[in-house]
Amino acid sequence: MARNNKTDSPRKLCAVCGRPFSWRKKWERSWDSVKYCSQRCRREKASGTPKATGSG
């Protein structure tokens, strides 16, 4: 029995942080409209300020 491999699933880049993220079952119906990798990036979209990368 073959299992779906994560490397076979479609990928996108997050519109805020630029990280790649993979297709998920919960996005099955709305994959074309998914733009953000996480709720945090969804909140950050409105601020327009880049995230801090460390303490320096």
PDB file of N, CA and C in Angstrom:
ATOM      1  N   MET A   1       0.846  -1.180   0.000  1.00  0.00           N
ATOM      2  CA  MET A   1       0.000   0.000   0.000  1.00  0.00           C
ATOM      3  C   MET A   1       0.894   1.247   0.000  1.00  0.00           C
ATOM      4  N   ALA A   2       0.738   2.080  -0.987  1.00  0.00           N
ATOM      5  CA  ALA A   2       1.576   3.273  -1.110  1.00  0.00           C
ATOM      6  C   ALA A   2       1.023   4.417  -0.267  1.00  0.00           C
ATOM      7  N   ARG A   3       1.915   5.098   0.405  1.00  0.00           N
ATOM      8  CA  ARG A   3       1.526   6.274   1.196  1.00  0.00           C
ATOM      9  C   ARG A   3       1.957   7.517   0.439  1.00  0.00           C
ATOM     10  N   ASN A   4       1.198   8.582   0.609  1.00  0.00           N
ATOM     11  CA  ASN A   4       1.598   9.845   0.002  1.00  0.00           C
ATOM     12  C   ASN A   4       2.835  10.364   0.705  1.00  0.00           C
ATOM     13  N   ASN A   5       3.788  10.772  -0.089  1.00  0.00           N
ATOM     14  CA  ASN A   5       5.019  11.310   0.452  1.00  0.00           C
ATOM     15  C   ASN A   5       4.901  12.822   0.536  1.00  0.00           C
ATOM     16  N   LYS A   6       5.407  13.432   1.599  1.00  0.00           N
ATOM     17  CA  LYS A   6       5.302  14.881   1.759  1.00  0.00           C
ATOM     18  C   LYS A   6       6.006  15.630   0.640  1.00  0.00           C
ATOM     19  N   THR A   7       7.027  15.031   0.067  1.00  0.00           N
ATOM     20  CA  THR A   7       7.758  15.702  -1.003  1.00  0.00           C
ATOM     21  C   THR A   7       6.939  15.780  -2.283  1.00  0.00           C
ATOM     22  N   ASP A   8       5.888  14.980  -2.386  1.00  0.00           N
ATOM     23  CA  ASP A   8       5.036  14.989  -3.574  1.00  0.00           C
ATOM     24  C   ASP A   8       3.938  16.040  -3.506  1.00  0.00           C
ATOM     25  N   SER A   9       3.674  16.591  -2.332  1.00  0.00           N
ATOM     26  CA  SER A   9       2.573  17.540  -2.183  1.00  0.00           C
ATOM     27  C   SER A   9       2.967  18.921  -2.706  1.00  0.00           C
ATOM     28  N   PRO A  10       1.987  19.695  -3.185  1.00  0.00           N
ATOM     29  CA  PRO A  10       2.276  21.040  -3.689  1.00  0.00           C
ATOM     30  C   PRO A  10       2.837  21.940  -2.592  1.00  0.00           C
ATOM     31  N   ARG A  11       3.631  22.907  -2.994  1.00  0.00           N
ATOM     32  CA  ARG A  11       4.246  23.842  -2.051  1.00  0.00           C
ATOM     33  C   ARG A  11       3.986  25.267  -2.497  1.00  0.00           C
ATOM     34  N   LYS A  12       4.007  26.174  -1.533  1.00  0.00           N
ATOM     35  CA  LYS A  12       3.896  27.609  -1.788  1.00  0.00           C
ATOM     36  C   LYS A  12       4.871  28.326  -0.876  1.00  0.00           C
ATOM     37  N   LEU A  13       5.120  29.599  -1.180  1.00  0.00           N
ATOM     38  CA  LEU A  13       5.926  30.441  -0.304  1.00  0.00           C
ATOM     39  C   LEU A  13       4.999  31.398   0.426  1.00  0.00           C
ATOM     40  N   CYS A  14       5.235  31.573   1.710  1.00  0.00           N
ATOM     41  CA  CYS A  14       4.436  32.482   2.529  1.00  0.00           C
ATOM     42  C   CYS A  14       4.626  33.912   2.033  1.00  0.00           C
ATOM     43  N   ALA A  15       3.535  34.664   1.921  1.00  0.00           N
ATOM     44  CA  ALA A  15       3.574  36.039   1.424  1.00  0.00           C
ATOM     45  C   ALA A  15       4.242  36.994   2.409  1.00  0.00           C
ATOM     46  N   VAL A  16       4.356  36.615   3.679  1.00  0.00           N
ATOM     47  CA  VAL A  16       4.935  37.495   4.691  1.00  0.00           C
ATOM     48  C   VAL A  16       6.393  37.134   4.977  1.00  0.00           C
ATOM     49  N   CYS A  17       6.646  35.889   5.344  1.00  0.00           N
ATOM     50  CA  CYS A  17       7.994  35.505   5.769  1.00  0.00           C
ATOM     51  C   CYS A  17       8.809  34.816   4.677  1.00  0.00           C
ATOM     52  N   GLY A  18       8.155  34.372   3.622  1.00  0.00           N
ATOM     53  CA  GLY A  18       8.870  33.742   2.520  1.00  0.00           C
ATOM     54  C   GLY A  18       9.222  32.280   2.737  1.00  0.00           C
ATOM     55  N   ARG A  19       8.784  31.704   3.840  1.00  0.00           N
ATOM     56  CA  ARG A  19       9.066  30.292   4.109  1.00  0.00           C
ATOM     57  C   ARG A  19       8.198  29.406   3.228  1.00  0.00           C
ATOM     58  N   PRO A  20       8.740  28.265   2.789  1.00  0.00           N
ATOM     59  CA  PRO A  20       7.915  27.326   2.024  1.00  0.00           C
ATOM     60  C   PRO A  20       6.987  26.554   2.960  1.00  0.00           C
ATOM     61  N   PHE A  21       5.780  26.286   2.494  1.00  0.00           N
ATOM     62  CA  PHE A  21       4.867  25.441   3.255  1.00  0.00           C
ATOM     63  C   PHE A  21       4.125  24.527   2.297  1.00  0.00           C
ATOM     64  N   SER A  22       3.689  23.383   2.809  1.00  0.00           N
ATOM     65  CA  SER A  22       3.089  22.335   1.993  1.00  0.00           C
ATOM     66  C   SER A  22       1.580  22.298   2.112  1.00  0.00           C
ATOM     67  N   TRP A  23       0.966  21.685   1.119  1.00  0.00           N
ATOM     68  CA  TRP A  23      -0.473  21.484   1.075  1.00  0.00           C
ATOM     69  C   TRP A  23      -0.910  20.665   2.281  1.00  0.00           C
ATOM     70  N   ARG A  24      -2.055  21.023   2.833  1.00  0.00           N
ATOM     71  CA  ARG A  24      -2.652  20.264   3.939  1.00  0.00           C
ATOM     72  C   ARG A  24      -4.078  19.903   3.578  1.00  0.00           C
ATOM     73  N   LYS A  25      -4.543  18.818   4.134  1.00  0.00           N
ATOM     74  CA  LYS A  25      -5.902  18.341   3.871  1.00  0.00           C
ATOM     75  C   LYS A  25      -6.938  19.414   4.187  1.00  0.00           C
ATOM     76  N   LYS A  26      -6.731  20.181   5.260  1.00  0.00           N
ATOM     77  CA  LYS A  26      -7.711  21.201   5.644  1.00  0.00           C
ATOM     78  C   LYS A  26      -7.791  22.332   4.624  1.00  0.00           C
ATOM     79  N   TRP A  27      -6.775  22.474   3.763  1.00  0.00           N
ATOM     80  CA  TRP A  27      -6.783  23.507   2.722  1.00  0.00           C
ATOM     81  C   TRP A  27      -7.258  22.956   1.380  1.00  0.00           C
ATOM     82  N   GLU A  28      -7.799  21.755   1.371  1.00  0.00           N
ATOM     83  CA  GLU A  28      -8.166  21.066   0.133  1.00  0.00           C
ATOM     84  C   GLU A  28      -9.051  21.916  -0.775  1.00  0.00           C
ATOM     85  N   ARG A  29     -10.053  22.563  -0.218  1.00  0.00           N
ATOM     86  CA  ARG A  29     -11.000  23.351  -1.022  1.00  0.00           C
ATOM     87  C   ARG A  29     -10.514  24.761  -1.309  1.00  0.00           C
ATOM     88  N   SER A  30      -9.570  25.260  -0.529  1.00  0.00           N
ATOM     89  CA  SER A  30      -9.172  26.662  -0.669  1.00  0.00           C
ATOM     90  C   SER A  30      -7.676  26.848  -0.933  1.00  0.00           C
ATOM     91  N   TRP A  31      -7.004  25.834  -1.444  1.00  0.00           N
ATOM     92  CA  TRP A  31      -5.559  25.906  -1.650  1.00  0.00           C
ATOM     93  C   TRP A  31      -5.160  27.104  -2.516  1.00  0.00           C
ATOM     94  N   ASP A  32      -5.958  27.449  -3.510  1.00  0.00           N
ATOM     95  CA  ASP A  32      -5.629  28.573  -4.389  1.00  0.00           C
ATOM     96  C   ASP A  32      -5.617  29.908  -3.651  1.00  0.00           C
ATOM     97  N   SER A  33      -6.378  30.020  -2.576  1.00  0.00           N
ATOM     98  CA  SER A  33      -6.446  31.287  -1.848  1.00  0.00           C
ATOM     99  C   SER A  33      -5.548  31.325  -0.604  1.00  0.00           C
ATOM    100  N   VAL A  34      -4.875  30.231  -0.277  1.00  0.00           N
ATOM    101  CA  VAL A  34      -3.982  30.197   0.883  1.00  0.00           C
ATOM    102  C   VAL A  34      -2.712  30.980   0.555  1.00  0.00           C
ATOM    103  N   LYS A  35      -2.363  31.949   1.420  1.00  0.00           N
ATOM    104  CA  LYS A  35      -1.195  32.808   1.187  1.00  0.00           C
ATOM    105  C   LYS A  35      -0.187  32.783   2.325  1.00  0.00           C
ATOM    106  N   TYR A  36      -0.622  32.358   3.508  1.00  0.00           N
ATOM    107  CA  TYR A  36       0.218  32.480   4.693  1.00  0.00           C
ATOM    108  C   TYR A  36       0.487  31.112   5.303  1.00  0.00           C
ATOM    109  N   CYS A  37       1.678  30.944   5.874  1.00  0.00           N
ATOM    110  CA  CYS A  37       2.064  29.659   6.441  1.00  0.00           C
ATOM    111  C   CYS A  37       1.508  29.444   7.844  1.00  0.00           C
ATOM    112  N   SER A  38       1.099  30.526   8.511  1.00  0.00           N
ATOM    113  CA  SER A  38       0.647  30.404   9.899  1.00  0.00           C
ATOM    114  C   SER A  38      -0.288  31.548  10.269  1.00  0.00           C
ATOM    115  N   GLN A  39      -0.940  31.408  11.416  1.00  0.00           N
ATOM    116  CA  GLN A  39      -1.794  32.486  11.922  1.00  0.00           C
ATOM    117  C   GLN A  39      -0.955  33.720  12.243  1.00  0.00           C
ATOM    118  N   ARG A  40       0.251  33.524  12.706  1.00  0.00           N
ATOM    119  CA  ARG A  40       1.123  34.656  13.015  1.00  0.00           C
ATOM    120  C   ARG A  40       1.397  35.487  11.759  1.00  0.00           C
ATOM    121  N   CYS A  41       1.691  34.838  10.657  1.00  0.00           N
ATOM    122  CA  CYS A  41       1.939  35.569   9.413  1.00  0.00           C
ATOM    123  C   CYS A  41       0.662  36.239   8.915  1.00  0.00           C
ATOM    124  N   ARG A  42      -0.474  35.618   9.133  1.00  0.00           N
ATOM    125  CA  ARG A  42      -1.744  36.234   8.745  1.00  0.00           C
ATOM    126  C   ARG A  42      -1.955  37.540   9.514  1.00  0.00           C
ATOM    127  N   ARG A  43      -1.602  37.551  10.810  1.00  0.00           N
ATOM    128  CA  ARG A  43      -1.719  38.772  11.614  1.00  0.00           C
ATOM    129  C   ARG A  43      -0.693  39.815  11.194  1.00  0.00           C
ATOM    130  N   GLU A  44       0.509  39.386  10.843  1.00  0.00           N
ATOM    131  CA  GLU A  44       1.594  40.290  10.474  1.00  0.00           C
ATOM    132  C   GLU A  44       1.323  41.015   9.160  1.00  0.00           C
ATOM    133  N   LYS A  45       0.482  40.460   8.294  1.00  0.00           N
ATOM    134  CA  LYS A  45       0.242  41.047   6.970  1.00  0.00           C
ATOM    135  C   LYS A  45      -0.251  42.481   7.064  1.00  0.00           C
ATOM    136  N   ALA A  46      -1.068  42.789   8.065  1.00  0.00           N
ATOM    137  CA  ALA A  46      -1.651  44.119   8.199  1.00  0.00           C
ATOM    138  C   ALA A  46      -0.629  45.143   8.676  1.00  0.00           C
ATOM    139  N   SER A  47       0.320  44.729   9.485  1.00  0.00           N
ATOM    140  CA  SER A  47       1.284  45.679  10.038  1.00  0.00           C
ATOM    141  C   SER A  47       2.281  46.163   8.995  1.00  0.00           C
ATOM    142  N   GLY A  48       2.647  45.293   8.075  1.00  0.00           N
ATOM    143  CA  GLY A  48       3.570  45.673   7.023  1.00  0.00           C
ATOM    144  C   GLY A  48       5.009  45.839   7.477  1.00  0.00           C
ATOM    145  N   THR A  49       5.284  45.577   8.748  1.00  0.00           N
ATOM    146  CA  THR A  49       6.650  45.694   9.245  1.00  0.00           C
ATOM    147  C   THR A  49       7.310  44.323   9.230  1.00  0.00           C
ATOM    148  N   PRO A  50       8.570  44.261   8.835  1.00  0.00           N
ATOM    149  CA  PRO A  50       9.247  42.963   8.821  1.00  0.00           C
ATOM    150  C   PRO A  50       9.453  42.444  10.235  1.00  0.00           C
ATOM    151  N   LYS A  51       9.473  41.133  10.373  1.00  0.00           N
ATOM    152  CA  LYS A  51       9.677  40.509  11.672  1.00  0.00           C
ATOM    153  C   LYS A  51      11.116  40.689  12.122  1.00  0.00           C
ATOM    154  N   ALA A  52      11.294  40.796  13.419  1.00  0.00           N
ATOM    155  CA  ALA A  52      12.640  40.870  13.981  1.00  0.00           C
ATOM    156  C   ALA A  52      13.276  39.488  13.889  1.00  0.00           C
ATOM    157  N   THR A  53      14.547  39.445  13.548  1.00  0.00           N
ATOM    158  CA  THR A  53      15.233  38.159  13.422  1.00  0.00           C
ATOM    159  C   THR A  53      16.344  38.067  14.450  1.00  0.00           C
ATOM    160  N   GLY A  54      15.971  37.861  15.679  1.00  0.00           N
ATOM    161  CA  GLY A  54      16.959  37.712  16.732  1.00  0.00           C
ATOM    162  C   GLY A  54      17.063  38.947  17.609  1.00  0.00           C
ATOM    163  N   SER A  55      18.012  38.918  18.499  1.00  0.00           N
ATOM    164  CA  SER A  55      18.163  40.020  19.451  1.00  0.00           C
ATOM    165  C   SER A  55      19.489  40.743  19.232  1.00  0.00           C
ATOM    166  N   GLY A  56      19.658  41.321  18.075  1.00  0.00           N
ATOM    167  CA  GLY A  56      20.942  41.943  17.883  1.00  0.00           C
ATOM    168  C   GLY A  56      20.960  43.012  16.950  1.00  0.00           C
TER     169      GLY A  56
END
